[in-house]
Amino acid sequence: MPHSSDSSDSSSSSQSPPPSKQDSSDDMRKVQRREKNRIAAQKSRLRQTQKADTLHLESEDLERQNAALRREIRQLTEEMKHFTSVLSSHEPLCSILASPPPPPPEVLYATHSFHQPHIGSPRFQH
């Protein structure tokens, strides 16, 4: 009877040389490298998650600030409309607006004259 594939596989595996120290150290290095890689990937995913969470919180905060600023703009716009209306109704009745503006107050200068050296004088030339 011919040999089955199972028996040939088992015979070839039984004929292979026993693993050497080099093979086992290579296997250990592979295992260690895979473990380090797994840990690095896990840390990377954690950092990405934390960054996404931070961005989400920042986005929510900016949305709240934006909404508050929009409310303030609406309130200030309404206030401006009110004051514009008050001013419009007041202008025809205002005696201050009907008269010319007063001249600016005169500025009085001290009688002392301050001597300012000329830049061209020898003291200021280097």
Protein backbone atom coordinates (compact mmCIF):
# COMPACT_ATOMS: atom_id res chain seq x y z
CA MET A 1 0.00 0.00 0.00
CA PRO A 2 1.35 3.48 -0.87
CA HIS A 3 2.22 5.97 1.81
CA SER A 4 -0.46 8.52 2.63
CA SER A 5 0.32 12.19 2.70
CA ASP A 6 -0.05 12.18 6.48
CA SER A 7 2.61 9.60 6.94
CA SER A 8 4.98 11.43 4.58
CA ASP A 9 4.40 14.66 6.52
CA SER A 10 5.05 12.97 9.80
CA SER A 11 8.13 11.27 8.45
CA SER A 12 9.49 14.56 7.08
CA SER A 13 8.83 16.33 10.37
CA SER A 14 10.46 13.56 12.33
CA GLN A 15 13.47 13.80 10.04
CA SER A 16 13.96 17.56 10.54
CA PRO A 17 16.80 18.52 12.82
CA PRO A 18 15.98 19.59 16.36
CA PRO A 19 15.59 23.37 16.80
CA SER A 20 18.88 25.08 17.41
CA LYS A 21 19.59 27.81 19.94
CA GLN A 22 19.63 30.32 17.05
CA ASP A 23 16.09 29.34 15.99
CA SER A 24 14.72 29.61 19.53
CA SER A 25 16.37 33.02 20.10
CA ASP A 26 14.94 34.22 16.75
CA ASP A 27 11.52 33.00 17.86
CA MET A 28 11.90 34.80 21.18
CA ARG A 29 12.87 38.00 19.37
CA LYS A 30 9.80 37.67 17.14
CA VAL A 31 7.56 37.17 20.16
CA GLN A 32 9.12 40.15 21.97
CA ARG A 33 8.87 42.32 18.85
CA ARG A 34 5.21 41.37 18.39
CA GLU A 35 4.49 42.15 22.04
CA LYS A 36 6.22 45.54 21.80
CA ASN A 37 4.35 46.25 18.57
CA ARG A 38 1.05 45.27 20.21
CA ILE A 39 1.70 47.58 23.15
CA ALA A 40 2.76 50.45 20.85
CA ALA A 41 -0.40 50.01 18.75
CA GLN A 42 -2.52 49.97 21.90
CA LYS A 43 -0.88 53.19 23.15
CA SER A 44 -1.34 54.79 19.73
CA ARG A 45 -5.04 53.93 19.70
CA LEU A 46 -5.39 55.32 23.23
CA ARG A 47 -3.67 58.59 22.20
CA GLN A 48 -5.96 58.88 19.17
CA THR A 49 -9.02 58.34 21.36
CA GLN A 50 -7.82 60.94 23.88
CA LYS A 51 -7.11 63.43 21.09
CA ALA A 52 -10.58 62.86 19.61
CA ASP A 53 -12.15 63.33 23.06
CA THR A 54 -10.20 66.56 23.59
CA LEU A 55 -11.22 67.88 20.18
CA HIS A 56 -14.83 66.97 20.87
CA LEU A 57 -14.83 68.85 24.20
CA GLU A 58 -13.11 71.83 22.58
CA SER A 59 -15.69 71.81 19.79
CA GLU A 60 -18.56 71.77 22.29
CA ASP A 61 -16.98 74.66 24.21
CA LEU A 62 -16.55 76.70 21.02
CA GLU A 63 -20.17 76.00 20.08
CA ARG A 64 -21.30 77.33 23.48
CA GLN A 65 -19.12 80.43 23.09
CA ASN A 66 -20.44 80.98 19.58
CA ALA A 67 -24.05 80.72 20.77
CA ALA A 68 -23.36 83.18 23.62
CA LEU A 69 -21.72 85.64 21.22
CA ARG A 70 -24.66 85.35 18.82
CA ARG A 71 -27.07 86.11 21.70
CA GLU A 72 -24.94 89.12 22.64
CA ILE A 73 -24.96 90.35 19.03
CA ARG A 74 -28.77 90.08 18.91
CA GLN A 75 -29.09 91.93 22.22
CA LEU A 76 -26.67 94.69 21.14
CA THR A 77 -28.44 95.02 17.78
CA GLU A 78 -31.76 95.47 19.55
CA GLU A 79 -30.18 97.99 21.91
CA MET A 80 -28.73 99.91 18.95
CA LYS A 81 -32.14 99.97 17.25
CA HIS A 82 -33.71 101.32 20.45
CA PHE A 83 -31.09 104.07 20.86
CA THR A 84 -31.28 104.96 17.17
CA SER A 85 -35.04 105.34 17.53
CA VAL A 86 -34.67 107.46 20.68
CA LEU A 87 -32.09 109.66 18.94
CA SER A 88 -34.28 110.04 15.86
CA SER A 89 -37.24 111.17 17.95
CA HIS A 90 -35.02 113.51 19.97
CA GLU A 91 -33.16 115.26 17.11
CA PRO A 92 -36.01 117.54 15.99
CA LEU A 93 -36.55 118.75 19.56
CA CYS A 94 -32.90 119.18 20.57
CA SER A 95 -31.74 122.77 21.10
CA ILE A 96 -28.10 121.71 21.31
CA LEU A 97 -28.18 120.23 17.83
CA ALA A 98 -29.90 123.35 16.45
CA SER A 99 -27.16 125.73 17.65
CA PRO A 100 -23.63 125.75 16.23
CA PRO A 101 -21.06 123.83 18.22
CA PRO A 102 -19.02 125.88 20.69
CA PRO A 103 -15.42 126.63 19.71
CA PRO A 104 -12.81 124.38 21.26
CA PRO A 105 -11.33 125.69 24.51
CA GLU A 106 -8.12 127.63 24.12
CA VAL A 107 -5.04 125.89 25.28
CA LEU A 108 -2.88 128.00 27.56
CA TYR A 109 0.81 127.42 27.33
CA ALA A 110 3.31 128.13 30.08
CA THR A 111 5.36 131.29 29.64
CA HIS A 112 8.56 129.35 30.10
CA SER A 113 10.44 128.57 26.98
CA PHE A 114 12.21 125.28 26.95
CA HIS A 115 15.52 125.20 25.14
CA GLN A 116 15.80 122.16 22.95
CA PRO A 117 19.29 121.44 21.70
CA HIS A 118 19.73 121.14 17.98
CA ILE A 119 20.60 117.76 16.66
CA GLY A 120 23.29 119.40 14.56
CA SER A 121 25.14 120.63 17.66
CA PRO A 122 28.51 119.01 18.37
CA ARG A 123 27.22 117.45 21.62
CA PHE A 124 24.84 115.15 19.74
CA GLN A 125 27.19 114.00 17.05
CA HIS A 126 29.11 110.84 17.59
